[in-house]
Amino acid sequence: MNCIRKAVVIPTLATILLSGGMAFPQDHHDNHTYVHHEEWKRGYHMRHEDWDRGERIDYHHYHLQEPPHGYEWREVDGNFVLAAVATGVIASVVVASAAH
């Protein structure tokens, strides 16, 4: 009985563990697809979760202005956003495709 149980349980567990990524798809947000955010304007406090999912970019590569001390450029939802790292206050927003 134990041999039969092992013969069934072990392959079943292996299948579950190896196919876990397919069984539970992850929510992936493409930060490069343009999404218009009406609220993202100069002086707006960007939400922490929006800032965190953005990718820090090289402003030279995209011909953007050098960020002041304490600010950085991030690409979020197809937008280049210049904001204060500590507070999330936006200084500038540029549509990424316009800067390429």
PDB file of N, CA and C in Angstrom:
ATOM      1  N   MET A   1       0.825  -1.196   0.000  1.00  0.00           N
ATOM      2  CA  MET A   1       0.000   0.000   0.000  1.00  0.00           C
ATOM      3  C   MET A   1       0.864   1.253   0.000  1.00  0.00           C
ATOM      4  N   ASN A   2       1.921   1.287   0.832  1.00  0.00           N
ATOM      5  CA  ASN A   2       2.790   2.463   0.876  1.00  0.00           C
ATOM      6  C   ASN A   2       3.491   2.701  -0.444  1.00  0.00           C
ATOM      7  N   CYS A   3       3.881   1.640  -1.141  1.00  0.00           N
ATOM      8  CA  CYS A   3       4.552   1.779  -2.442  1.00  0.00           C
ATOM      9  C   CYS A   3       3.617   2.396  -3.474  1.00  0.00           C
ATOM     10  N   ILE A   4       2.359   1.962  -3.445  1.00  0.00           N
ATOM     11  CA  ILE A   4       1.376   2.502  -4.387  1.00  0.00           C
ATOM     12  C   ILE A   4       1.125   3.977  -4.084  1.00  0.00           C
ATOM     13  N   ARG A   5       0.998   4.305  -2.812  1.00  0.00           N
ATOM     14  CA  ARG A   5       0.763   5.693  -2.406  1.00  0.00           C
ATOM     15  C   ARG A   5       1.930   6.576  -2.843  1.00  0.00           C
ATOM     16  N   LYS A   6       3.159   6.107  -2.623  1.00  0.00           N
ATOM     17  CA  LYS A   6       4.341   6.861  -3.028  1.00  0.00           C
ATOM     18  C   LYS A   6       4.391   7.028  -4.547  1.00  0.00           C
ATOM     19  N   ALA A   7       4.000   5.987  -5.261  1.00  0.00           N
ATOM     20  CA  ALA A   7       4.028   6.030  -6.722  1.00  0.00           C
ATOM     21  C   ALA A   7       3.035   7.061  -7.263  1.00  0.00           C
ATOM     22  N   VAL A   8       1.983   7.323  -6.534  1.00  0.00           N
ATOM     23  CA  VAL A   8       0.984   8.301  -6.962  1.00  0.00           C
ATOM     24  C   VAL A   8       1.317   9.699  -6.432  1.00  0.00           C
ATOM     25  N   VAL A   9       1.705   9.785  -5.169  1.00  0.00           N
ATOM     26  CA  VAL A   9       1.920  11.077  -4.524  1.00  0.00           C
ATOM     27  C   VAL A   9       3.154  11.799  -5.063  1.00  0.00           C
ATOM     28  N   ILE A  10       4.261  11.125  -5.204  1.00  0.00           N
ATOM     29  CA  ILE A  10       5.508  11.775  -5.626  1.00  0.00           C
ATOM     30  C   ILE A  10       5.385  12.395  -7.018  1.00  0.00           C
ATOM     31  N   PRO A  11       4.904  11.677  -8.039  1.00  0.00           N
ATOM     32  CA  PRO A  11       4.757  12.334  -9.347  1.00  0.00           C
ATOM     33  C   PRO A  11       3.744  13.479  -9.324  1.00  0.00           C
ATOM     34  N   THR A  12       2.686  13.321  -8.515  1.00  0.00           N
ATOM     35  CA  THR A  12       1.688  14.387  -8.414  1.00  0.00           C
ATOM     36  C   THR A  12       2.295  15.643  -7.799  1.00  0.00           C
ATOM     37  N   LEU A  13       3.056  15.485  -6.730  1.00  0.00           N
ATOM     38  CA  LEU A  13       3.722  16.635  -6.106  1.00  0.00           C
ATOM     39  C   LEU A  13       4.724  17.271  -7.061  1.00  0.00           C
ATOM     40  N   ALA A  14       5.484  16.460  -7.772  1.00  0.00           N
ATOM     41  CA  ALA A  14       6.455  16.987  -8.725  1.00  0.00           C
ATOM     42  C   ALA A  14       5.750  17.799  -9.807  1.00  0.00           C
ATOM     43  N   THR A  15       4.632  17.306 -10.291  1.00  0.00           N
ATOM     44  CA  THR A  15       3.870  18.019 -11.322  1.00  0.00           C
ATOM     45  C   THR A  15       3.357  19.345 -10.787  1.00  0.00           C
ATOM     46  N   ILE A  16       2.843  19.357  -9.582  1.00  0.00           N
ATOM     47  CA  ILE A  16       2.327  20.589  -8.973  1.00  0.00           C
ATOM     48  C   ILE A  16       3.441  21.608  -8.797  1.00  0.00           C
ATOM     49  N   LEU A  17       4.576  21.164  -8.275  1.00  0.00           N
ATOM     50  CA  LEU A  17       5.691  22.077  -8.032  1.00  0.00           C
ATOM     51  C   LEU A  17       6.291  22.612  -9.320  1.00  0.00           C
ATOM     52  N   LEU A  18       6.416  21.780 -10.327  1.00  0.00           N
ATOM     53  CA  LEU A  18       7.029  22.211 -11.580  1.00  0.00           C
ATOM     54  C   LEU A  18       6.110  23.048 -12.451  1.00  0.00           C
ATOM     55  N   SER A  19       4.812  22.901 -12.296  1.00  0.00           N
ATOM     56  CA  SER A  19       3.878  23.666 -13.121  1.00  0.00           C
ATOM     57  C   SER A  19       3.271  24.834 -12.361  1.00  0.00           C
ATOM     58  N   GLY A  20       3.794  25.142 -11.187  1.00  0.00           N
ATOM     59  CA  GLY A  20       3.231  26.217 -10.366  1.00  0.00           C
ATOM     60  C   GLY A  20       3.163  27.546 -11.080  1.00  0.00           C
ATOM     61  N   GLY A  21       4.174  27.881 -11.895  1.00  0.00           N
ATOM     62  CA  GLY A  21       4.169  29.150 -12.617  1.00  0.00           C
ATOM     63  C   GLY A  21       3.057  29.229 -13.631  1.00  0.00           C
ATOM     64  N   MET A  22       2.700  28.083 -14.227  1.00  0.00           N
ATOM     65  CA  MET A  22       1.626  28.068 -15.206  1.00  0.00           C
ATOM     66  C   MET A  22       0.264  28.052 -14.525  1.00  0.00           C
ATOM     67  N   ALA A  23       0.184  27.440 -13.373  1.00  0.00           N
ATOM     68  CA  ALA A  23      -1.093  27.339 -12.683  1.00  0.00           C
ATOM     69  C   ALA A  23      -1.509  28.671 -12.075  1.00  0.00           C
ATOM     70  N   PHE A  24      -0.557  29.502 -11.731  1.00  0.00           N
ATOM     71  CA  PHE A  24      -0.843  30.785 -11.107  1.00  0.00           C
ATOM     72  C   PHE A  24      -0.145  31.888 -11.888  1.00  0.00           C
ATOM     73  N   PRO A  25      -0.743  32.370 -12.981  1.00  0.00           N
ATOM     74  CA  PRO A  25      -0.081  33.410 -13.763  1.00  0.00           C
ATOM     75  C   PRO A  25       0.092  34.675 -12.946  1.00  0.00           C
ATOM     76  N   GLN A  26       1.201  35.330 -13.160  1.00  0.00           N
ATOM     77  CA  GLN A  26       1.488  36.549 -12.415  1.00  0.00           C
ATOM     78  C   GLN A  26       0.993  37.762 -13.186  1.00  0.00           C
ATOM     79  N   ASP A  27       0.539  38.755 -12.452  1.00  0.00           N
ATOM     80  CA  ASP A  27       0.119  40.006 -13.058  1.00  0.00           C
ATOM     81  C   ASP A  27       1.361  40.789 -13.430  1.00  0.00           C
ATOM     82  N   HIS A  28       1.569  41.008 -14.719  1.00  0.00           N
ATOM     83  CA  HIS A  28       2.745  41.740 -15.183  1.00  0.00           C
ATOM     84  C   HIS A  28       2.285  43.002 -15.877  1.00  0.00           C
ATOM     85  N   HIS A  29       2.743  44.124 -15.393  1.00  0.00           N
ATOM     86  CA  HIS A  29       2.385  45.408 -15.996  1.00  0.00           C
ATOM     87  C   HIS A  29       3.551  45.882 -16.848  1.00  0.00           C
ATOM     88  N   ASP A  30       3.279  46.169 -18.101  1.00  0.00           N
ATOM     89  CA  ASP A  30       4.319  46.645 -19.012  1.00  0.00           C
ATOM     90  C   ASP A  30       4.483  48.143 -18.826  1.00  0.00           C
ATOM     91  N   ASN A  31       5.607  48.556 -18.221  1.00  0.00           N
ATOM     92  CA  ASN A  31       5.847  49.969 -17.939  1.00  0.00           C
ATOM     93  C   ASN A  31       6.108  50.789 -19.190  1.00  0.00           C
ATOM     94  N   HIS A  32       6.275  50.137 -20.345  1.00  0.00           N
ATOM     95  CA  HIS A  32       6.604  50.868 -21.562  1.00  0.00           C
ATOM     96  C   HIS A  32       5.384  51.143 -22.427  1.00  0.00           C
ATOM     97  N   THR A  33       4.244  50.555 -22.123  1.00  0.00           N
ATOM     98  CA  THR A  33       3.018  50.816 -22.862  1.00  0.00           C
ATOM     99  C   THR A  33       2.422  52.113 -22.343  1.00  0.00           C
ATOM    100  N   TYR A  34       2.110  53.037 -23.262  1.00  0.00           N
ATOM    101  CA  TYR A  34       1.642  54.357 -22.843  1.00  0.00           C
ATOM    102  C   TYR A  34       0.262  54.290 -22.203  1.00  0.00           C
ATOM    103  N   VAL A  35       0.155  54.918 -21.051  1.00  0.00           N
ATOM    104  CA  VAL A  35      -1.111  55.108 -20.351  1.00  0.00           C
ATOM    105  C   VAL A  35      -1.170  56.580 -19.954  1.00  0.00           C
ATOM    106  N   HIS A  36      -2.247  57.248 -20.351  1.00  0.00           N
ATOM    107  CA  HIS A  36      -2.394  58.668 -20.013  1.00  0.00           C
ATOM    108  C   HIS A  36      -2.854  58.790 -18.559  1.00  0.00           C
ATOM    109  N   HIS A  37      -2.141  59.591 -17.794  1.00  0.00           N
ATOM    110  CA  HIS A  37      -2.503  59.868 -16.397  1.00  0.00           C
ATOM    111  C   HIS A  37      -2.779  61.361 -16.291  1.00  0.00           C
ATOM    112  N   GLU A  38      -4.036  61.720 -16.298  1.00  0.00           N
ATOM    113  CA  GLU A  38      -4.450  63.131 -16.260  1.00  0.00           C
ATOM    114  C   GLU A  38      -3.876  63.863 -15.046  1.00  0.00           C
ATOM    115  N   GLU A  39      -3.765  63.136 -13.920  1.00  0.00           N
ATOM    116  CA  GLU A  39      -3.323  63.767 -12.669  1.00  0.00           C
ATOM    117  C   GLU A  39      -1.813  63.999 -12.608  1.00  0.00           C
ATOM    118  N   TRP A  40      -1.029  63.356 -13.464  1.00  0.00           N
ATOM    119  CA  TRP A  40       0.418  63.500 -13.404  1.00  0.00           C
ATOM    120  C   TRP A  40       0.840  64.811 -14.041  1.00  0.00           C
ATOM    121  N   LYS A  41       0.893  65.840 -13.212  1.00  0.00           N
ATOM    122  CA  LYS A  41       1.288  67.180 -13.648  1.00  0.00           C
ATOM    123  C   LYS A  41       2.269  67.744 -12.638  1.00  0.00           C
ATOM    124  N   ARG A  42       2.923  68.818 -13.020  1.00  0.00           N
ATOM    125  CA  ARG A  42       3.864  69.492 -12.129  1.00  0.00           C
ATOM    126  C   ARG A  42       3.200  69.806 -10.785  1.00  0.00           C
ATOM    127  N   GLY A  43       3.855  69.399  -9.700  1.00  0.00           N
ATOM    128  CA  GLY A  43       3.339  69.657  -8.356  1.00  0.00           C
ATOM    129  C   GLY A  43       2.507  68.529  -7.772  1.00  0.00           C
ATOM    130  N   TYR A  44       2.084  67.579  -8.602  1.00  0.00           N
ATOM    131  CA  TYR A  44       1.284  66.458  -8.122  1.00  0.00           C
ATOM    132  C   TYR A  44       2.171  65.490  -7.335  1.00  0.00           C
ATOM    133  N   HIS A  45       1.658  64.956  -6.246  1.00  0.00           N
ATOM    134  CA  HIS A  45       2.373  63.940  -5.459  1.00  0.00           C
ATOM    135  C   HIS A  45       2.064  62.579  -6.067  1.00  0.00           C
ATOM    136  N   MET A  46       3.036  62.022  -6.750  1.00  0.00           N
ATOM    137  CA  MET A  46       2.874  60.717  -7.391  1.00  0.00           C
ATOM    138  C   MET A  46       2.731  59.636  -6.334  1.00  0.00           C
ATOM    139  N   ARG A  47       1.835  58.687  -6.568  1.00  0.00           N
ATOM    140  CA  ARG A  47       1.641  57.584  -5.618  1.00  0.00           C
ATOM    141  C   ARG A  47       2.903  56.737  -5.536  1.00  0.00           C
ATOM    142  N   HIS A  48       3.207  56.267  -4.349  1.00  0.00           N
ATOM    143  CA  HIS A  48       4.411  55.472  -4.105  1.00  0.00           C
ATOM    144  C   HIS A  48       4.446  54.220  -4.985  1.00  0.00           C
ATOM    145  N   GLU A  49       3.303  53.545  -5.135  1.00  0.00           N
ATOM    146  CA  GLU A  49       3.284  52.316  -5.938  1.00  0.00           C
ATOM    147  C   GLU A  49       3.515  52.598  -7.426  1.00  0.00           C
ATOM    148  N   ASP A  50       3.087  53.770  -7.922  1.00  0.00           N
ATOM    149  CA  ASP A  50       3.379  54.142  -9.310  1.00  0.00           C
ATOM    150  C   ASP A  50       4.880  54.384  -9.476  1.00  0.00           C
ATOM    151  N   TRP A  51       5.460  55.122  -8.551  1.00  0.00           N
ATOM    152  CA  TRP A  51       6.890  55.417  -8.609  1.00  0.00           C
ATOM    153  C   TRP A  51       7.726  54.135  -8.545  1.00  0.00           C
ATOM    154  N   ASP A  52       7.351  53.234  -7.654  1.00  0.00           N
ATOM    155  CA  ASP A  52       8.120  52.004  -7.454  1.00  0.00           C
ATOM    156  C   ASP A  52       8.113  51.075  -8.668  1.00  0.00           C
ATOM    157  N   ARG A  53       7.045  51.069  -9.436  1.00  0.00           N
ATOM    158  CA  ARG A  53       7.027  50.179 -10.592  1.00  0.00           C
ATOM    159  C   ARG A  53       7.692  50.798 -11.813  1.00  0.00           C
ATOM    160  N   GLY A  54       8.082  52.057 -11.699  1.00  0.00           N
ATOM    161  CA  GLY A  54       8.817  52.694 -12.778  1.00  0.00           C
ATOM    162  C   GLY A  54      10.277  52.269 -12.800  1.00  0.00           C
ATOM    163  N   GLU A  55      10.886  52.398 -13.967  1.00  0.00           N
ATOM    164  CA  GLU A  55      12.292  52.062 -14.118  1.00  0.00           C
ATOM    165  C   GLU A  55      13.105  53.349 -14.207  1.00  0.00           C
ATOM    166  N   ARG A  56      14.170  53.427 -13.432  1.00  0.00           N
ATOM    167  CA  ARG A  56      15.051  54.583 -13.501  1.00  0.00           C
ATOM    168  C   ARG A  56      15.716  54.594 -14.881  1.00  0.00           C
ATOM    169  N   ILE A  57      15.756  55.756 -15.512  1.00  0.00           N
ATOM    170  CA  ILE A  57      16.315  55.836 -16.862  1.00  0.00           C
ATOM    171  C   ILE A  57      17.498  56.792 -16.913  1.00  0.00           C
ATOM    172  N   ASP A  58      18.297  56.632 -17.955  1.00  0.00           N
ATOM    173  CA  ASP A  58      19.433  57.514 -18.205  1.00  0.00           C
ATOM    174  C   ASP A  58      18.931  58.713 -19.004  1.00  0.00           C
ATOM    175  N   TYR A  59      18.863  59.864 -18.382  1.00  0.00           N
ATOM    176  CA  TYR A  59      18.315  61.051 -19.041  1.00  0.00           C
ATOM    177  C   TYR A  59      19.128  61.465 -20.256  1.00  0.00           C
ATOM    178  N   HIS A  60      20.439  61.187 -20.270  1.00  0.00           N
ATOM    179  CA  HIS A  60      21.278  61.506 -21.436  1.00  0.00           C
ATOM    180  C   HIS A  60      20.788  60.752 -22.675  1.00  0.00           C
ATOM    181  N   HIS A  61      20.503  59.482 -22.478  1.00  0.00           N
ATOM    182  CA  HIS A  61      20.092  58.620 -23.586  1.00  0.00           C
ATOM    183  C   HIS A  61      18.831  59.145 -24.275  1.00  0.00           C
ATOM    184  N   TYR A  62      17.923  59.720 -23.504  1.00  0.00           N
ATOM    185  CA  TYR A  62      16.650  60.209 -24.034  1.00  0.00           C
ATOM    186  C   TYR A  62      16.626  61.719 -24.237  1.00  0.00           C
ATOM    187  N   HIS A  63      17.775  62.351 -24.116  1.00  0.00           N
ATOM    188  CA  HIS A  63      17.911  63.801 -24.335  1.00  0.00           C
ATOM    189  C   HIS A  63      16.980  64.612 -23.431  1.00  0.00           C
ATOM    190  N   LEU A  64      16.906  64.186 -22.166  1.00  0.00           N
ATOM    191  CA  LEU A  64      16.099  64.895 -21.175  1.00  0.00           C
ATOM    192  C   LEU A  64      17.005  65.779 -20.342  1.00  0.00           C
ATOM    193  N   GLN A  65      16.419  66.765 -19.676  1.00  0.00           N
ATOM    194  CA  GLN A  65      17.215  67.663 -18.836  1.00  0.00           C
ATOM    195  C   GLN A  65      17.818  66.905 -17.667  1.00  0.00           C
ATOM    196  N   GLU A  66      18.954  67.358 -17.199  1.00  0.00           N
ATOM    197  CA  GLU A  66      19.585  66.761 -16.028  1.00  0.00           C
ATOM    198  C   GLU A  66      18.702  67.001 -14.811  1.00  0.00           C
ATOM    199  N   PRO A  67      18.438  65.950 -14.039  1.00  0.00           N
ATOM    200  CA  PRO A  67      17.583  66.149 -12.864  1.00  0.00           C
ATOM    201  C   PRO A  67      18.303  66.936 -11.777  1.00  0.00           C
ATOM    202  N   PRO A  68      17.587  67.823 -11.093  1.00  0.00           N
ATOM    203  CA  PRO A  68      18.190  68.521  -9.955  1.00  0.00           C
ATOM    204  C   PRO A  68      18.536  67.520  -8.846  1.00  0.00           C
ATOM    205  N   HIS A  69      19.341  67.945  -7.917  1.00  0.00           N
ATOM    206  CA  HIS A  69      19.711  67.097  -6.777  1.00  0.00           C
ATOM    207  C   HIS A  69      18.442  66.625  -6.063  1.00  0.00           C
ATOM    208  N   GLY A  70      18.365  65.321  -5.806  1.00  0.00           N
ATOM    209  CA  GLY A  70      17.214  64.753  -5.098  1.00  0.00           C
ATOM    210  C   GLY A  70      16.077  64.335  -6.014  1.00  0.00           C
ATOM    211  N   TYR A  71      16.231  64.526  -7.319  1.00  0.00           N
ATOM    212  CA  TYR A  71      15.220  64.138  -8.295  1.00  0.00           C
ATOM    213  C   TYR A  71      15.797  63.073  -9.212  1.00  0.00           C
ATOM    214  N   GLU A  72      14.918  62.304  -9.850  1.00  0.00           N
ATOM    215  CA  GLU A  72      15.372  61.364 -10.870  1.00  0.00           C
ATOM    216  C   GLU A  72      14.254  61.141 -11.879  1.00  0.00           C
ATOM    217  N   TRP A  73      14.677  60.699 -13.052  1.00  0.00           N
ATOM    218  CA  TRP A  73      13.745  60.352 -14.120  1.00  0.00           C
ATOM    219  C   TRP A  73      13.401  58.870 -14.009  1.00  0.00           C
ATOM    220  N   ARG A  74      12.123  58.551 -14.183  1.00  0.00           N
ATOM    221  CA  ARG A  74      11.667  57.169 -14.239  1.00  0.00           C
ATOM    222  C   ARG A  74      10.703  57.038 -15.413  1.00  0.00           C
ATOM    223  N   GLU A  75      10.712  55.854 -16.031  1.00  0.00           N
ATOM    224  CA  GLU A  75       9.727  55.562 -17.065  1.00  0.00           C
ATOM    225  C   GLU A  75       8.620  54.736 -16.437  1.00  0.00           C
ATOM    226  N   VAL A  76       7.417  55.297 -16.456  1.00  0.00           N
ATOM    227  CA  VAL A  76       6.256  54.637 -15.875  1.00  0.00           C
ATOM    228  C   VAL A  76       5.104  54.755 -16.867  1.00  0.00           C
ATOM    229  N   ASP A  77       4.549  53.634 -17.259  1.00  0.00           N
ATOM    230  CA  ASP A  77       3.407  53.610 -18.184  1.00  0.00           C
ATOM    231  C   ASP A  77       3.669  54.393 -19.464  1.00  0.00           C
ATOM    232  N   GLY A  78       4.872  54.303 -19.996  1.00  0.00           N
ATOM    233  CA  GLY A  78       5.190  54.985 -21.242  1.00  0.00           C
ATOM    234  C   GLY A  78       5.391  56.480 -21.086  1.00  0.00           C
ATOM    235  N   ASN A  79       5.544  56.932 -19.843  1.00  0.00           N
ATOM    236  CA  ASN A  79       5.807  58.337 -19.539  1.00  0.00           C
ATOM    237  C   ASN A  79       7.165  58.454 -18.871  1.00  0.00           C
ATOM    238  N   PHE A  80       7.912  59.494 -19.202  1.00  0.00           N
ATOM    239  CA  PHE A  80       9.115  59.830 -18.447  1.00  0.00           C
ATOM    240  C   PHE A  80       8.682  60.821 -17.383  1.00  0.00           C
ATOM    241  N   VAL A  81       8.900  60.466 -16.138  1.00  0.00           N
ATOM    242  CA  VAL A  81       8.465  61.301 -15.023  1.00  0.00           C
ATOM    243  C   VAL A  81       9.687  61.744 -14.228  1.00  0.00           C
ATOM    244  N   LEU A  82       9.830  63.052 -14.069  1.00  0.00           N
ATOM    245  CA  LEU A  82      10.882  63.624 -13.234  1.00  0.00           C
ATOM    246  C   LEU A  82      10.222  64.011 -11.924  1.00  0.00           C
ATOM    247  N   ALA A  83      10.663  63.363 -10.847  1.00  0.00           N
ATOM    248  CA  ALA A  83      10.035  63.627  -9.550  1.00  0.00           C
ATOM    249  C   ALA A  83      11.069  63.562  -8.441  1.00  0.00           C
ATOM    250  N   ALA A  84      10.722  64.193  -7.324  1.00  0.00           N
ATOM    251  CA  ALA A  84      11.577  64.159  -6.136  1.00  0.00           C
ATOM    252  C   ALA A  84      11.554  62.748  -5.557  1.00  0.00           C
ATOM    253  N   VAL A  85      12.722  62.192  -5.328  1.00  0.00           N
ATOM    254  CA  VAL A  85      12.828  60.829  -4.812  1.00  0.00           C
ATOM    255  C   VAL A  85      12.178  60.727  -3.431  1.00  0.00           C
ATOM    256  N   ALA A  86      12.393  61.695  -2.572  1.00  0.00           N
ATOM    257  CA  ALA A  86      11.906  61.631  -1.186  1.00  0.00           C
ATOM    258  C   ALA A  86      10.402  61.830  -1.067  1.00  0.00           C
ATOM    259  N   THR A  87       9.816  62.679  -1.915  1.00  0.00           N
ATOM    260  CA  THR A  87       8.408  63.039  -1.741  1.00  0.00           C
ATOM    261  C   THR A  87       7.492  62.592  -2.864  1.00  0.00           C
ATOM    262  N   GLY A  88       8.052  62.319  -4.046  1.00  0.00           N
ATOM    263  CA  GLY A  88       7.223  61.958  -5.194  1.00  0.00           C
ATOM    264  C   GLY A  88       6.579  63.128  -5.885  1.00  0.00           C
ATOM    265  N   VAL A  89       6.975  64.352  -5.549  1.00  0.00           N
ATOM    266  CA  VAL A  89       6.404  65.537  -6.196  1.00  0.00           C
ATOM    267  C   VAL A  89       6.972  65.627  -7.609  1.00  0.00           C
ATOM    268  N   ILE A  90       6.064  65.700  -8.569  1.00  0.00           N
ATOM    269  CA  ILE A  90       6.451  65.726  -9.977  1.00  0.00           C
ATOM    270  C   ILE A  90       6.922  67.107 -10.396  1.00  0.00           C
ATOM    271  N   ALA A  91       8.054  67.121 -11.106  1.00  0.00           N
ATOM    272  CA  ALA A  91       8.574  68.367 -11.678  1.00  0.00           C
ATOM    273  C   ALA A  91       8.279  68.438 -13.171  1.00  0.00           C
ATOM    274  N   SER A  92       8.216  67.256 -13.843  1.00  0.00           N
ATOM    275  CA  SER A  92       7.984  67.240 -15.283  1.00  0.00           C
ATOM    276  C   SER A  92       7.519  65.851 -15.714  1.00  0.00           C
ATOM    277  N   VAL A  93       6.690  65.820 -16.783  1.00  0.00           N
ATOM    278  CA  VAL A  93       6.246  64.565 -17.380  1.00  0.00           C
ATOM    279  C   VAL A  93       6.353  64.710 -18.897  1.00  0.00           C
ATOM    280  N   VAL A  94       6.967  63.697 -19.530  1.00  0.00           N
ATOM    281  CA  VAL A  94       7.115  63.692 -20.980  1.00  0.00           C
ATOM    282  C   VAL A  94       6.647  62.328 -21.477  1.00  0.00           C
ATOM    283  N   VAL A  95       5.836  62.312 -22.547  1.00  0.00           N
ATOM    284  CA  VAL A  95       5.441  61.047 -23.148  1.00  0.00           C
ATOM    285  C   VAL A  95       6.701  60.408 -23.714  1.00  0.00           C
ATOM    286  N   ALA A  96       6.968  59.170 -23.344  1.00  0.00           N
ATOM    287  CA  ALA A  96       8.223  58.504 -23.714  1.00  0.00           C
ATOM    288  C   ALA A  96       8.446  58.448 -25.214  1.00  0.00           C
ATOM    289  N   SER A  97       7.395  58.187 -25.993  1.00  0.00           N
ATOM    290  CA  SER A  97       7.581  58.080 -27.445  1.00  0.00           C
ATOM    291  C   SER A  97       7.951  59.423 -28.059  1.00  0.00           C
ATOM    292  N   ALA A  98       7.603  60.521 -27.409  1.00  0.00           N
ATOM    293  CA  ALA A  98       7.952  61.852 -27.909  1.00  0.00           C
ATOM    294  C   ALA A  98       9.419  62.169 -27.686  1.00  0.00           C
ATOM    295  N   ALA A  99      10.049  61.495 -26.733  1.00  0.00           N
ATOM    296  CA  ALA A  99      11.443  61.768 -26.404  1.00  0.00           C
ATOM    297  C   ALA A  99      12.417  60.866 -27.155  1.00  0.00           C
ATOM    298  N   HIS A 100      11.927  59.846 -27.845  1.00  0.00           N
ATOM    299  CA  HIS A 100      12.825  58.906 -28.550  1.00  0.00           C
ATOM    300  C   HIS A 100      13.343  59.487 -29.808  1.00  0.00           C
TER     301      HIS A 100
END
